[in-house]
Amino acid sequence: MKSLTYILFFTFIYGCAEQEANTIKYKFRTEEVVKKDCRIAIEQKNSSVRNDVNSKNFIKNYTKAFNANNKIKRACDPYR
């Protein structure tokens, strides 16, 4: 039981440790791919906003906007 407690404790500490972050721009994707993905994500967000003008569900629109903003952040991130 004591060893199981130690294993769980060290697993928790390791899980909460700071993870290594990518510090090199365009390491996994080229600059052209990043710009293209960013442009596509922005166009998709703008077209979906125009389609949902008549919708009355506030929570649904809020979550769609939140997800669209996160999608744009991911698409335009050169470190990803």
N, C-alpha and C. Protein backbone atom coordinates (compact mmCIF):
# COMPACT_ATOMS: atom_id res chain seq x y z
N MET A 1 0.83 -1.20 0.00
CA MET A 1 0.00 0.00 0.00
C MET A 1 0.87 1.26 0.00
N LYS A 2 1.97 1.19 0.75
CA LYS A 2 2.86 2.34 0.82
C LYS A 2 3.52 2.60 -0.53
N SER A 3 3.91 1.53 -1.22
CA SER A 3 4.54 1.70 -2.53
C SER A 3 3.54 2.25 -3.55
N LEU A 4 2.30 1.83 -3.46
CA LEU A 4 1.27 2.35 -4.36
C LEU A 4 1.07 3.85 -4.13
N THR A 5 1.12 4.28 -2.88
CA THR A 5 0.99 5.70 -2.56
C THR A 5 2.15 6.48 -3.17
N TYR A 6 3.37 5.95 -3.07
CA TYR A 6 4.53 6.61 -3.67
C TYR A 6 4.40 6.71 -5.19
N ILE A 7 3.94 5.62 -5.80
CA ILE A 7 3.77 5.62 -7.26
C ILE A 7 2.76 6.68 -7.68
N LEU A 8 1.64 6.74 -6.99
CA LEU A 8 0.62 7.74 -7.32
C LEU A 8 1.13 9.16 -7.07
N PHE A 9 1.86 9.35 -5.99
CA PHE A 9 2.39 10.66 -5.66
C PHE A 9 3.37 11.15 -6.73
N PHE A 10 4.31 10.30 -7.12
CA PHE A 10 5.30 10.69 -8.13
C PHE A 10 4.68 10.84 -9.51
N THR A 11 3.66 10.05 -9.81
CA THR A 11 2.94 10.22 -11.08
C THR A 11 2.24 11.57 -11.11
N PHE A 12 1.65 11.96 -10.01
CA PHE A 12 0.99 13.26 -9.92
C PHE A 12 1.99 14.40 -10.07
N ILE A 13 3.12 14.30 -9.39
CA ILE A 13 4.16 15.33 -9.48
C ILE A 13 4.70 15.43 -10.92
N TYR A 14 4.95 14.29 -11.55
CA TYR A 14 5.46 14.30 -12.93
C TYR A 14 4.41 14.87 -13.89
N GLY A 15 3.14 14.58 -13.67
CA GLY A 15 2.08 15.10 -14.53
C GLY A 15 1.91 16.60 -14.42
N CYS A 16 2.20 17.15 -13.26
CA CYS A 16 2.07 18.59 -13.04
C CYS A 16 3.33 19.37 -13.39
N ALA A 17 4.40 18.68 -13.73
CA ALA A 17 5.65 19.36 -14.07
C ALA A 17 5.50 20.10 -15.38
N GLU A 18 6.29 21.14 -15.54
CA GLU A 18 6.23 21.95 -16.75
C GLU A 18 6.71 21.14 -17.95
N GLN A 19 5.91 21.15 -19.00
CA GLN A 19 6.25 20.40 -20.20
C GLN A 19 7.14 21.25 -21.11
N GLU A 20 7.93 20.58 -21.92
CA GLU A 20 8.82 21.27 -22.84
C GLU A 20 8.00 21.96 -23.93
N ALA A 21 8.29 23.20 -24.19
CA ALA A 21 7.57 23.97 -25.21
C ALA A 21 8.44 24.14 -26.44
N ASN A 22 7.79 24.17 -27.59
CA ASN A 22 8.52 24.39 -28.84
C ASN A 22 8.91 25.86 -28.93
N THR A 23 10.18 26.12 -29.14
CA THR A 23 10.67 27.50 -29.23
C THR A 23 11.16 27.85 -30.63
N ILE A 24 11.03 26.92 -31.57
CA ILE A 24 11.49 27.15 -32.93
C ILE A 24 10.28 27.39 -33.83
N LYS A 25 10.22 28.56 -34.45
CA LYS A 25 9.11 28.86 -35.36
C LYS A 25 9.21 27.96 -36.59
N TYR A 26 8.04 27.56 -37.08
CA TYR A 26 7.92 26.77 -38.31
C TYR A 26 8.74 25.48 -38.26
N LYS A 27 8.80 24.85 -37.09
CA LYS A 27 9.53 23.59 -36.95
C LYS A 27 8.78 22.45 -37.62
N PHE A 28 7.45 22.44 -37.47
CA PHE A 28 6.66 21.33 -37.97
C PHE A 28 5.87 21.68 -39.23
N ARG A 29 5.64 22.96 -39.49
CA ARG A 29 4.90 23.40 -40.68
C ARG A 29 5.64 24.58 -41.30
N THR A 30 5.59 24.67 -42.62
CA THR A 30 6.26 25.78 -43.28
C THR A 30 5.44 27.06 -43.12
N GLU A 31 6.06 28.19 -43.43
CA GLU A 31 5.38 29.48 -43.29
C GLU A 31 4.18 29.57 -44.23
N GLU A 32 4.32 29.01 -45.42
CA GLU A 32 3.20 29.05 -46.38
C GLU A 32 2.01 28.25 -45.88
N VAL A 33 2.26 27.10 -45.28
CA VAL A 33 1.18 26.26 -44.75
C VAL A 33 0.47 26.97 -43.60
N VAL A 34 1.24 27.62 -42.74
CA VAL A 34 0.65 28.35 -41.62
C VAL A 34 -0.24 29.48 -42.13
N LYS A 35 0.24 30.25 -43.10
CA LYS A 35 -0.56 31.36 -43.64
C LYS A 35 -1.82 30.85 -44.31
N LYS A 36 -1.71 29.74 -45.06
CA LYS A 36 -2.87 29.17 -45.74
C LYS A 36 -3.91 28.68 -44.74
N ASP A 37 -3.47 27.92 -43.71
CA ASP A 37 -4.39 27.43 -42.69
C ASP A 37 -5.05 28.57 -41.93
N CYS A 38 -4.28 29.63 -41.66
CA CYS A 38 -4.81 30.79 -40.95
C CYS A 38 -5.89 31.48 -41.79
N ARG A 39 -5.61 31.67 -43.06
CA ARG A 39 -6.57 32.32 -43.95
C ARG A 39 -7.86 31.49 -44.06
N ILE A 40 -7.72 30.17 -44.18
CA ILE A 40 -8.89 29.29 -44.29
C ILE A 40 -9.71 29.34 -43.01
N ALA A 41 -9.07 29.31 -41.85
CA ALA A 41 -9.79 29.35 -40.58
C ALA A 41 -10.55 30.66 -40.41
N ILE A 42 -9.93 31.77 -40.80
CA ILE A 42 -10.60 33.07 -40.69
C ILE A 42 -11.79 33.14 -41.64
N GLU A 43 -11.64 32.62 -42.87
CA GLU A 43 -12.75 32.62 -43.82
C GLU A 43 -13.89 31.74 -43.33
N GLN A 44 -13.57 30.59 -42.74
CA GLN A 44 -14.62 29.71 -42.22
C GLN A 44 -15.38 30.37 -41.08
N LYS A 45 -14.65 31.09 -40.21
CA LYS A 45 -15.33 31.78 -39.12
C LYS A 45 -16.25 32.87 -39.66
N ASN A 46 -15.78 33.64 -40.62
CA ASN A 46 -16.60 34.71 -41.18
C ASN A 46 -17.83 34.17 -41.89
N SER A 47 -17.70 33.07 -42.62
CA SER A 47 -18.85 32.51 -43.32
C SER A 47 -19.85 31.89 -42.34
N SER A 48 -19.36 31.30 -41.24
CA SER A 48 -20.29 30.70 -40.27
C SER A 48 -21.02 31.78 -39.50
N VAL A 49 -20.41 32.93 -39.29
CA VAL A 49 -21.09 34.04 -38.61
C VAL A 49 -22.25 34.54 -39.46
N ARG A 50 -22.03 34.63 -40.76
CA ARG A 50 -23.10 35.09 -41.65
C ARG A 50 -24.26 34.10 -41.69
N ASN A 51 -23.99 32.81 -41.57
CA ASN A 51 -25.04 31.80 -41.64
C ASN A 51 -25.89 31.75 -40.38
N ASP A 52 -25.35 32.15 -39.23
CA ASP A 52 -26.05 32.00 -37.96
C ASP A 52 -26.65 33.31 -37.46
N VAL A 53 -26.96 34.24 -38.33
CA VAL A 53 -27.47 35.54 -37.90
C VAL A 53 -28.85 35.40 -37.26
N ASN A 54 -29.68 34.50 -37.75
CA ASN A 54 -31.06 34.38 -37.26
C ASN A 54 -31.20 33.43 -36.07
N SER A 55 -30.13 32.83 -35.62
CA SER A 55 -30.22 31.87 -34.53
C SER A 55 -30.49 32.59 -33.21
N LYS A 56 -31.34 32.01 -32.37
CA LYS A 56 -31.71 32.61 -31.08
C LYS A 56 -31.01 31.98 -29.88
N ASN A 57 -30.30 30.89 -30.08
CA ASN A 57 -29.69 30.17 -28.97
C ASN A 57 -28.34 30.81 -28.62
N PHE A 58 -28.30 31.53 -27.49
CA PHE A 58 -27.11 32.27 -27.09
C PHE A 58 -25.94 31.34 -26.76
N ILE A 59 -26.20 30.29 -25.98
CA ILE A 59 -25.11 29.39 -25.56
C ILE A 59 -24.49 28.70 -26.77
N LYS A 60 -25.33 28.28 -27.70
CA LYS A 60 -24.83 27.61 -28.90
C LYS A 60 -23.93 28.56 -29.70
N ASN A 61 -24.36 29.80 -29.87
CA ASN A 61 -23.56 30.77 -30.61
C ASN A 61 -22.27 31.12 -29.87
N TYR A 62 -22.35 31.20 -28.54
CA TYR A 62 -21.17 31.53 -27.75
C TYR A 62 -20.12 30.42 -27.89
N THR A 63 -20.54 29.16 -27.78
CA THR A 63 -19.57 28.06 -27.89
C THR A 63 -19.01 27.97 -29.30
N LYS A 64 -19.84 28.23 -30.31
CA LYS A 64 -19.33 28.22 -31.69
C LYS A 64 -18.27 29.30 -31.88
N ALA A 65 -18.53 30.50 -31.35
CA ALA A 65 -17.57 31.60 -31.48
C ALA A 65 -16.28 31.28 -30.72
N PHE A 66 -16.41 30.71 -29.53
CA PHE A 66 -15.24 30.35 -28.72
C PHE A 66 -14.39 29.32 -29.46
N ASN A 67 -15.03 28.30 -30.00
CA ASN A 67 -14.30 27.26 -30.73
C ASN A 67 -13.67 27.82 -32.00
N ALA A 68 -14.37 28.72 -32.67
CA ALA A 68 -13.82 29.32 -33.89
C ALA A 68 -12.59 30.16 -33.56
N ASN A 69 -12.62 30.90 -32.46
CA ASN A 69 -11.45 31.69 -32.07
C ASN A 69 -10.27 30.79 -31.72
N ASN A 70 -10.54 29.68 -31.03
CA ASN A 70 -9.46 28.75 -30.70
C ASN A 70 -8.91 28.09 -31.95
N LYS A 71 -9.78 27.81 -32.92
CA LYS A 71 -9.33 27.21 -34.17
C LYS A 71 -8.41 28.17 -34.92
N ILE A 72 -8.75 29.46 -34.90
CA ILE A 72 -7.91 30.46 -35.55
C ILE A 72 -6.57 30.57 -34.84
N LYS A 73 -6.59 30.57 -33.51
CA LYS A 73 -5.32 30.64 -32.76
C LYS A 73 -4.42 29.46 -33.09
N ARG A 74 -5.01 28.25 -33.15
CA ARG A 74 -4.20 27.07 -33.48
C ARG A 74 -3.68 27.13 -34.90
N ALA A 75 -4.53 27.57 -35.84
CA ALA A 75 -4.12 27.59 -37.25
C ALA A 75 -3.04 28.64 -37.50
N CYS A 76 -3.09 29.75 -36.78
CA CYS A 76 -2.13 30.85 -37.02
C CYS A 76 -0.89 30.76 -36.13
N ASP A 77 -0.77 29.71 -35.33
CA ASP A 77 0.37 29.58 -34.43
C ASP A 77 1.56 28.94 -35.16
N PRO A 78 2.66 29.69 -35.35
CA PRO A 78 3.81 29.12 -36.06
C PRO A 78 4.59 28.09 -35.23
N TYR A 79 4.34 28.02 -33.93
CA TYR A 79 5.07 27.08 -33.07
C TYR A 79 4.39 25.72 -32.99
N ARG A 80 3.19 25.58 -33.52
CA ARG A 80 2.45 24.34 -33.41
C ARG A 80 2.95 23.33 -34.41
